[in-house]
C-alpha atoms as a PDB file:
ATOM      1  CA  UNK A   1     -58.626 -48.364 -30.023  1.00  0.00           C
ATOM      2  CA  UNK A   2     -59.197 -51.047 -32.654  1.00  0.00           C
ATOM      3  CA  UNK A   3     -56.473 -53.701 -33.451  1.00  0.00           C
ATOM      4  CA  UNK A   4     -53.943 -53.033 -36.700  1.00  0.00           C
ATOM      5  CA  UNK A   5     -54.950 -55.582 -39.525  1.00  0.00           C
ATOM      6  CA  UNK A   6     -53.014 -58.635 -40.654  1.00  0.00           C
ATOM      7  CA  UNK A   7     -51.937 -56.825 -43.909  1.00  0.00           C
ATOM      8  CA  UNK A   8     -50.529 -53.833 -41.822  1.00  0.00           C
ATOM      9  CA  UNK A   9     -48.474 -56.410 -39.502  1.00  0.00           C
ATOM     10  CA  UNK A  10     -47.310 -57.718 -42.315  1.00  0.00           C
ATOM     11  CA  UNK A  11     -46.300 -54.675 -44.151  1.00  0.00           C
ATOM     12  CA  UNK A  12     -44.832 -53.749 -40.666  1.00  0.00           C
ATOM     13  CA  UNK A  13     -42.884 -56.108 -39.892  1.00  0.00           C
ATOM     14  CA  UNK A  14     -41.709 -56.718 -44.042  1.00  0.00           C
ATOM     15  CA  UNK A  15     -40.239 -52.868 -43.689  1.00  0.00           C
ATOM     16  CA  UNK A  16     -38.270 -54.239 -40.773  1.00  0.00           C
ATOM     17  CA  UNK A  17     -36.906 -56.602 -42.796  1.00  0.00           C
ATOM     18  CA  UNK A  18     -35.707 -54.758 -45.168  1.00  0.00           C
ATOM     19  CA  UNK A  19     -34.224 -51.744 -43.235  1.00  0.00           C
ATOM     20  CA  UNK A  20     -32.637 -54.449 -40.888  1.00  0.00           C
ATOM     21  CA  UNK A  21     -30.874 -56.224 -44.330  1.00  0.00           C
ATOM     22  CA  UNK A  22     -30.381 -52.387 -45.866  1.00  0.00           C
ATOM     23  CA  UNK A  23     -28.546 -50.869 -42.946  1.00  0.00           C
ATOM     24  CA  UNK A  24     -27.482 -52.757 -40.009  1.00  0.00           C
ATOM     25  CA  UNK A  25     -26.053 -55.277 -42.023  1.00  0.00           C
ATOM     26  CA  UNK A  26     -24.093 -53.619 -44.343  1.00  0.00           C
ATOM     27  CA  UNK A  27     -22.485 -52.255 -41.137  1.00  0.00           C
ATOM     28  CA  UNK A  28     -21.588 -55.129 -39.323  1.00  0.00           C
ATOM     29  CA  UNK A  29     -17.806 -54.671 -41.336  1.00  0.00           C
ATOM     30  CA  UNK A  30     -17.337 -51.175 -39.238  1.00  0.00           C
ATOM     31  CA  UNK A  31     -17.989 -53.575 -36.345  1.00  0.00           C
ATOM     32  CA  UNK A  32     -15.245 -55.691 -37.139  1.00  0.00           C
ATOM     33  CA  UNK A  33     -13.139 -53.149 -37.901  1.00  0.00           C
ATOM     34  CA  UNK A  34     -13.427 -51.901 -34.831  1.00  0.00           C
ATOM     35  CA  UNK A  35     -12.341 -54.693 -32.870  1.00  0.00           C
ATOM     36  CA  UNK A  36      -9.351 -55.860 -34.988  1.00  0.00           C
ATOM     37  CA  UNK A  37      -8.447 -51.522 -33.901  1.00  0.00           C
ATOM     38  CA  UNK A  38      -8.910 -52.266 -30.706  1.00  0.00           C
ATOM     39  CA  UNK A  39      -6.639 -55.687 -30.306  1.00  0.00           C
ATOM     40  CA  UNK A  40      -4.092 -53.705 -32.482  1.00  0.00           C
ATOM     41  CA  UNK A  41      -3.881 -50.565 -30.120  1.00  0.00           C
ATOM     42  CA  UNK A  42      -4.007 -52.694 -27.247  1.00  0.00           C
ATOM     43  CA  UNK A  43      -1.037 -54.930 -28.567  1.00  0.00           C
ATOM     44  CA  UNK A  44       1.078 -52.122 -29.502  1.00  0.00           C
ATOM     45  CA  UNK A  45       0.411 -50.208 -26.143  1.00  0.00           C
ATOM     46  CA  UNK A  46       1.380 -53.580 -24.424  1.00  0.00           C
ATOM     47  CA  UNK A  47       4.187 -54.408 -26.188  1.00  0.00           C
ATOM     48  CA  UNK A  48       5.812 -51.086 -26.412  1.00  0.00           C
ATOM     49  CA  UNK A  49       5.374 -50.625 -22.033  1.00  0.00           C
ATOM     50  CA  UNK A  50       7.578 -53.690 -22.028  1.00  0.00           C
ATOM     51  CA  UNK A  51       9.529 -52.113 -24.169  1.00  0.00           C
ATOM     52  CA  UNK A  52       9.862 -49.125 -22.353  1.00  0.00           C
ATOM     53  CA  UNK A  53      10.183 -50.935 -18.699  1.00  0.00           C
ATOM     54  CA  UNK A  54      13.580 -53.015 -20.357  1.00  0.00           C
ATOM     55  CA  UNK A  55      14.997 -49.757 -21.830  1.00  0.00           C
ATOM     56  CA  UNK A  56      16.259 -51.198 -25.195  1.00  0.00           C
ATOM     57  CA  UNK A  57      16.410 -48.935 -28.651  1.00  0.00           C
ATOM     58  CA  UNK A  58      13.563 -48.226 -30.768  1.00  0.00           C
ATOM     59  CA  UNK A  59      13.825 -49.809 -33.985  1.00  0.00           C
ATOM     60  CA  UNK A  60      12.440 -48.828 -36.973  1.00  0.00           C
ATOM     61  CA  UNK A  61       9.805 -52.311 -36.140  1.00  0.00           C
ATOM     62  CA  UNK A  62       9.145 -50.111 -33.004  1.00  0.00           C
ATOM     63  CA  UNK A  63       8.819 -47.117 -34.921  1.00  0.00           C
ATOM     64  CA  UNK A  64       5.903 -48.416 -37.291  1.00  0.00           C
ATOM     65  CA  UNK A  65       4.550 -49.893 -33.741  1.00  0.00           C
ATOM     66  CA  UNK A  66       4.659 -46.748 -32.820  1.00  0.00           C
ATOM     67  CA  UNK A  67       2.806 -45.303 -35.487  1.00  0.00           C
ATOM     68  CA  UNK A  68       0.502 -48.220 -36.020  1.00  0.00           C
ATOM     69  CA  UNK A  69      -0.784 -47.829 -31.925  1.00  0.00           C
ATOM     70  CA  UNK A  70      -1.484 -43.827 -33.348  1.00  0.00           C
ATOM     71  CA  UNK A  71      -3.048 -44.627 -35.936  1.00  0.00           C
ATOM     72  CA  UNK A  72      -5.633 -47.120 -33.859  1.00  0.00           C
ATOM     73  CA  UNK A  73      -5.864 -44.841 -31.216  1.00  0.00           C
ATOM     74  CA  UNK A  74      -7.105 -42.214 -33.837  1.00  0.00           C
ATOM     75  CA  UNK A  75      -9.371 -44.916 -35.414  1.00  0.00           C
ATOM     76  CA  UNK A  76     -10.999 -46.031 -31.875  1.00  0.00           C
ATOM     77  CA  UNK A  77     -11.994 -42.752 -31.546  1.00  0.00           C
ATOM     78  CA  UNK A  78     -13.505 -42.278 -34.972  1.00  0.00           C
ATOM     79  CA  UNK A  79     -15.081 -45.647 -34.782  1.00  0.00           C
ATOM     80  CA  UNK A  80     -16.812 -45.886 -31.190  1.00  0.00           C
ATOM     81  CA  UNK A  81     -19.339 -43.573 -31.988  1.00  0.00           C
ATOM     82  CA  UNK A  82     -20.436 -45.634 -35.707  1.00  0.00           C
ATOM     83  CA  UNK A  83     -20.202 -48.517 -33.135  1.00  0.00           C
ATOM     84  CA  UNK A  84     -22.011 -47.267 -30.655  1.00  0.00           C
ATOM     85  CA  UNK A  85     -24.786 -46.084 -32.941  1.00  0.00           C
ATOM     86  CA  UNK A  86     -24.957 -49.102 -35.021  1.00  0.00           C
ATOM     87  CA  UNK A  87     -25.382 -50.812 -31.527  1.00  0.00           C
ATOM     88  CA  UNK A  88     -28.545 -48.728 -30.714  1.00  0.00           C
ATOM     89  CA  UNK A  89     -30.073 -48.116 -33.814  1.00  0.00           C
ATOM     90  CA  UNK A  90     -29.573 -52.322 -33.781  1.00  0.00           C
ATOM     91  CA  UNK A  91     -31.532 -53.028 -30.529  1.00  0.00           C
ATOM     92  CA  UNK A  92     -34.805 -50.544 -31.238  1.00  0.00           C
ATOM     93  CA  UNK A  93     -35.023 -52.372 -34.576  1.00  0.00           C
ATOM     94  CA  UNK A  94     -34.405 -55.869 -32.510  1.00  0.00           C
ATOM     95  CA  UNK A  95     -37.555 -53.846 -29.634  1.00  0.00           C
ATOM     96  CA  UNK A  96     -39.814 -52.338 -32.345  1.00  0.00           C
ATOM     97  CA  UNK A  97     -39.818 -55.554 -34.309  1.00  0.00           C
ATOM     98  CA  UNK A  98     -39.906 -57.686 -31.031  1.00  0.00           C
ATOM     99  CA  UNK A  99     -42.939 -55.130 -30.419  1.00  0.00           C
ATOM    100  CA  UNK A 100     -44.875 -55.909 -33.804  1.00  0.00           C
ATOM    101  CA  UNK A 101     -44.129 -59.851 -33.811  1.00  0.00           C
ATOM    102  CA  UNK A 102     -46.226 -59.533 -30.504  1.00  0.00           C
ATOM    103  CA  UNK A 103     -49.064 -57.447 -31.729  1.00  0.00           C
ATOM    104  CA  UNK A 104     -50.527 -59.884 -33.696  1.00  0.00           C
END
């Protein structure tokens, strides 16, 4: 099998770089939102566990936190698929780019 030409390797690297800039980079806020959602859910879960143990009465703030924890739990279900897909795409793209770097 013939080795790929230098021009082909340059076009391939440019294409992979463009894909990274147009797909992976703009989706990074999803990862940030996922981390923020995990933190909100964890904080709400811990606070509500402590509140349940103490036996205090619930206030409006507690009700809002329960609602926030429930919403963040639903967001975790939705965002986890997007974050996993983004991670797999990023790893695959890096592997393909590394393969094209080693080819020349």
